[in-house]
Amino acid sequence: MDAKKKRQRLRREELKRKILAAAGELFAQEGYANFSMRRLAAKIGYSPTTIYLHFRGKDDLLFSICEELYGVFLHRMAETRASRADLLDVLRRSLHSYIEIGLANPEHYKTVFFTSPVVYGPPDEFMNRDTQHRRAYRAFSEMVGECMESGLLRPMDLETLVVVLWSAVHGLVTTIIYSGDFLGADTAAMADSLVEGLLRGYAA
């Protein structure tokens, strides 16, 4: 790739990041129903036509924002699994990573989980579509399954345990994001207590 094409590609990527960042703010502030491409264009100083060159519409924008966050979590899980830690510690660290990523990106997290419940379509479509969300879910499920198969977690329905573990850390992240000012406990201590309680509770 010559220098000119490389600069053009970098400019396109920078503009896409700028659009996604501004769209995330608008989704978090205005909600899905009130979001408009015209308002987004005014926010970043470009025409709606320019945005449509990169995204098909607000559903495509929201999908891309969601995929970005799930991609971060998937990458962190892959790094953790590549370490030489034991299986249970890999699961422990991944649960902590989820909490850390959510709390480090509160507006992004709110946009992903509280903007539109159908961004990935119905359950059958989600399960059969190759997305960062699906890959992250599959990787986490495999991680839990390996701990169960190795005798580190008690045998039970895998899908149930995966949903329970995810729901627990998701609940903590959501509570801290929306009610953090009213919580007296240290967030790190809450995360430690939750994760250790979960792992002890489901230990073999």
Protein backbone atom coordinates (compact mmCIF):
# COMPACT_ATOMS: atom_id res chain seq x y z
CA MET A 1 0.00 0.00 0.00
CA ASP A 2 1.50 3.35 -1.04
CA ALA A 3 1.72 6.29 1.36
CA LYS A 4 -1.29 8.12 -0.14
CA LYS A 5 -3.61 5.13 0.14
CA LYS A 6 -2.39 4.48 3.66
CA ARG A 7 -3.20 8.08 4.68
CA GLN A 8 -6.66 7.78 3.11
CA ARG A 9 -7.32 4.53 4.95
CA LEU A 10 -6.20 6.06 8.26
CA ARG A 11 -8.45 9.09 7.68
CA ARG A 12 -11.42 6.81 6.97
CA GLU A 13 -10.75 4.79 10.11
CA GLU A 14 -10.37 7.96 12.18
CA LEU A 15 -13.67 9.31 10.84
CA LYS A 16 -15.44 6.01 11.59
CA ARG A 17 -14.12 6.10 15.17
CA LYS A 18 -15.30 9.70 15.50
CA ILE A 19 -18.76 8.79 14.19
CA LEU A 20 -19.06 5.79 16.52
CA ALA A 21 -17.92 7.78 19.57
CA ALA A 22 -20.44 10.54 18.87
CA ALA A 23 -23.19 8.01 18.10
CA GLY A 24 -22.53 6.24 21.38
CA GLU A 25 -22.94 9.50 23.28
CA LEU A 26 -26.20 10.28 21.50
CA PHE A 27 -27.62 6.81 22.05
CA ALA A 28 -26.78 7.06 25.76
CA GLN A 29 -28.26 10.55 26.07
CA GLU A 30 -31.25 10.41 23.73
CA GLY A 31 -32.14 6.72 23.55
CA TYR A 32 -32.82 4.66 20.46
CA ALA A 33 -36.19 6.18 19.55
CA ASN A 34 -34.92 9.79 19.62
CA PHE A 35 -31.63 9.12 17.83
CA SER A 36 -31.36 10.69 14.38
CA MET A 37 -28.64 10.65 11.74
CA ARG A 38 -29.17 14.39 11.20
CA ARG A 39 -28.49 15.12 14.87
CA LEU A 40 -25.40 12.89 14.74
CA ALA A 41 -24.17 14.72 11.65
CA ALA A 42 -24.58 18.09 13.37
CA LYS A 43 -22.71 16.80 16.42
CA ILE A 44 -19.59 15.84 14.44
CA GLY A 45 -19.77 18.60 11.82
CA TYR A 46 -20.37 16.39 8.77
CA SER A 47 -23.33 15.87 6.48
CA PRO A 48 -25.64 12.85 6.93
CA THR A 49 -24.48 11.71 3.49
CA THR A 50 -20.93 11.36 4.79
CA ILE A 51 -22.10 9.15 7.65
CA TYR A 52 -24.11 6.98 5.24
CA LEU A 53 -20.90 6.31 3.32
CA HIS A 54 -19.71 4.37 6.39
CA PHE A 55 -22.90 3.14 8.09
CA ARG A 56 -26.29 2.12 6.68
CA GLY A 57 -28.27 3.74 9.48
CA LYS A 58 -28.75 3.88 13.22
CA ASP A 59 -29.17 0.10 13.54
CA ASP A 60 -25.83 -0.42 11.80
CA LEU A 61 -24.25 2.19 14.07
CA LEU A 62 -25.61 0.57 17.22
CA PHE A 63 -24.52 -2.87 16.03
CA SER A 64 -20.97 -1.57 15.42
CA ILE A 65 -20.85 0.04 18.88
CA CYS A 66 -21.95 -3.23 20.48
CA GLU A 67 -19.45 -5.25 18.48
CA GLU A 68 -16.65 -2.91 19.55
CA LEU A 69 -17.25 -3.56 23.24
CA TYR A 70 -17.67 -7.31 22.82
CA GLY A 71 -14.48 -7.31 20.76
CA VAL A 72 -12.58 -5.81 23.68
CA PHE A 73 -13.91 -8.47 26.03
CA LEU A 74 -13.14 -11.25 23.53
CA HIS A 75 -9.57 -9.98 23.16
CA ARG A 76 -9.08 -9.88 26.92
CA MET A 77 -10.43 -13.41 27.27
CA ALA A 78 -8.09 -14.64 24.53
CA GLU A 79 -5.12 -13.04 26.28
CA THR A 80 -6.13 -14.63 29.58
CA ARG A 81 -6.62 -18.06 28.02
CA ALA A 82 -3.21 -17.79 26.36
CA SER A 83 -1.55 -17.39 29.76
CA ARG A 84 -0.32 -20.41 31.68
CA ALA A 85 -2.77 -19.88 34.52
CA ASP A 86 -4.92 -22.79 35.68
CA LEU A 87 -8.44 -23.08 34.30
CA LEU A 88 -10.23 -21.72 37.34
CA ASP A 89 -7.93 -18.72 37.51
CA VAL A 90 -8.55 -18.06 33.81
CA LEU A 91 -12.28 -17.98 34.56
CA ARG A 92 -11.72 -15.80 37.63
CA ARG A 93 -9.64 -13.30 35.68
CA SER A 94 -12.14 -13.24 32.82
CA LEU A 95 -14.99 -12.41 35.19
CA HIS A 96 -12.89 -9.60 36.63
CA SER A 97 -12.03 -8.43 33.11
CA TYR A 98 -15.70 -8.15 32.25
CA ILE A 99 -16.32 -5.99 35.31
CA GLU A 100 -13.24 -3.84 34.65
CA ILE A 101 -14.14 -3.26 30.99
CA GLY A 102 -17.72 -2.31 31.85
CA LEU A 103 -16.73 0.11 34.60
CA ALA A 104 -13.99 1.66 32.46
CA ASN A 105 -16.52 2.37 29.68
CA PRO A 106 -19.79 3.23 31.44
CA GLU A 107 -21.43 5.20 28.62
CA HIS A 108 -20.42 2.61 26.07
CA TYR A 109 -21.76 -0.13 28.35
CA LYS A 110 -25.09 1.64 28.80
CA THR A 111 -25.40 2.07 25.05
CA VAL A 112 -24.74 -1.61 24.40
CA PHE A 113 -27.12 -3.02 26.99
CA PHE A 114 -29.86 -0.44 27.40
CA THR A 115 -30.45 1.05 23.96
CA SER A 116 -32.23 -1.66 21.96
CA PRO A 117 -32.84 -5.28 23.00
CA VAL A 118 -33.11 -6.48 19.40
CA VAL A 119 -29.85 -5.21 17.93
CA TYR A 120 -28.69 -8.82 17.42
CA GLY A 121 -32.09 -10.07 16.35
CA PRO A 122 -34.08 -12.93 17.91
CA PRO A 123 -32.23 -15.74 19.77
CA ASP A 124 -32.07 -18.08 16.76
CA GLU A 125 -30.54 -15.38 14.60
CA PHE A 126 -28.03 -14.46 17.31
CA MET A 127 -26.92 -18.07 17.78
CA ASN A 128 -26.36 -18.61 14.04
CA ARG A 129 -24.72 -15.29 13.21
CA ASP A 130 -20.95 -14.83 13.37
CA THR A 131 -20.46 -11.74 15.52
CA GLN A 132 -18.04 -10.58 18.18
CA HIS A 133 -20.87 -10.99 20.69
CA ARG A 134 -21.44 -14.60 19.63
CA ARG A 135 -17.71 -15.35 19.66
CA ALA A 136 -17.35 -13.85 23.13
CA TYR A 137 -20.33 -15.83 24.40
CA ARG A 138 -18.95 -19.04 22.89
CA ALA A 139 -15.46 -18.44 24.32
CA PHE A 140 -16.87 -17.77 27.78
CA SER A 141 -19.11 -20.83 27.57
CA GLU A 142 -16.15 -23.01 26.55
CA MET A 143 -14.14 -21.65 29.45
CA VAL A 144 -16.86 -22.54 31.95
CA GLY A 145 -17.31 -25.94 30.32
CA GLU A 146 -13.61 -26.74 30.61
CA CYS A 147 -13.69 -25.94 34.32
CA MET A 148 -16.69 -28.22 34.73
CA GLU A 149 -15.13 -31.05 32.72
CA SER A 150 -11.93 -30.76 34.77
CA GLY A 151 -13.84 -31.21 38.02
CA LEU A 152 -13.26 -27.64 39.19
CA LEU A 153 -16.95 -26.71 39.02
CA ARG A 154 -19.79 -29.00 40.01
CA PRO A 155 -21.66 -30.72 37.17
CA MET A 156 -24.86 -28.99 36.11
CA ASP A 157 -26.49 -27.65 32.99
CA LEU A 158 -23.74 -25.65 31.28
CA GLU A 159 -26.03 -23.09 29.66
CA THR A 160 -27.64 -22.32 33.01
CA LEU A 161 -24.31 -21.75 34.73
CA VAL A 162 -22.97 -19.59 31.90
CA VAL A 163 -26.05 -17.33 32.06
CA VAL A 164 -25.91 -17.15 35.87
CA LEU A 165 -22.23 -16.16 35.91
CA TRP A 166 -22.68 -13.56 33.18
CA SER A 167 -25.84 -12.18 34.79
CA ALA A 168 -24.05 -11.80 38.12
CA VAL A 169 -21.15 -9.71 36.79
CA HIS A 170 -23.48 -7.79 34.47
CA GLY A 171 -25.67 -6.98 37.45
CA LEU A 172 -22.75 -5.66 39.44
CA VAL A 173 -21.51 -3.48 36.58
CA THR A 174 -25.00 -2.09 36.02
CA THR A 175 -25.54 -1.40 39.72
CA ILE A 176 -22.25 0.46 40.05
CA ILE A 177 -22.80 2.48 36.86
CA TYR A 178 -26.31 3.58 37.81
CA SER A 179 -26.04 3.71 41.61
CA GLY A 180 -22.35 4.17 42.30
CA ASP A 181 -22.84 7.44 44.18
CA PHE A 182 -25.06 5.66 46.71
CA LEU A 183 -22.80 2.67 47.32
CA GLY A 184 -20.53 2.81 50.32
CA ALA A 185 -18.40 -0.23 49.47
CA ASP A 186 -15.25 -0.11 47.38
CA THR A 187 -15.95 -1.34 43.83
CA ALA A 188 -12.85 -3.55 43.74
CA ALA A 189 -13.90 -5.18 47.01
CA MET A 190 -17.39 -5.78 45.64
CA ALA A 191 -15.94 -7.35 42.49
CA ASP A 192 -13.65 -9.61 44.54
CA SER A 193 -16.47 -10.65 46.84
CA LEU A 194 -18.83 -11.41 43.96
CA VAL A 195 -16.36 -13.39 41.85
CA GLU A 196 -14.98 -15.40 44.77
CA GLY A 197 -18.50 -16.07 46.04
CA LEU A 198 -19.58 -17.35 42.63
CA LEU A 199 -16.58 -19.62 42.21
CA ARG A 200 -16.87 -21.02 45.73
CA GLY A 201 -20.59 -21.48 45.38
CA TYR A 202 -20.26 -23.52 42.21
CA ALA A 203 -17.02 -25.31 43.13
CA ALA A 204 -17.06 -29.09 42.83
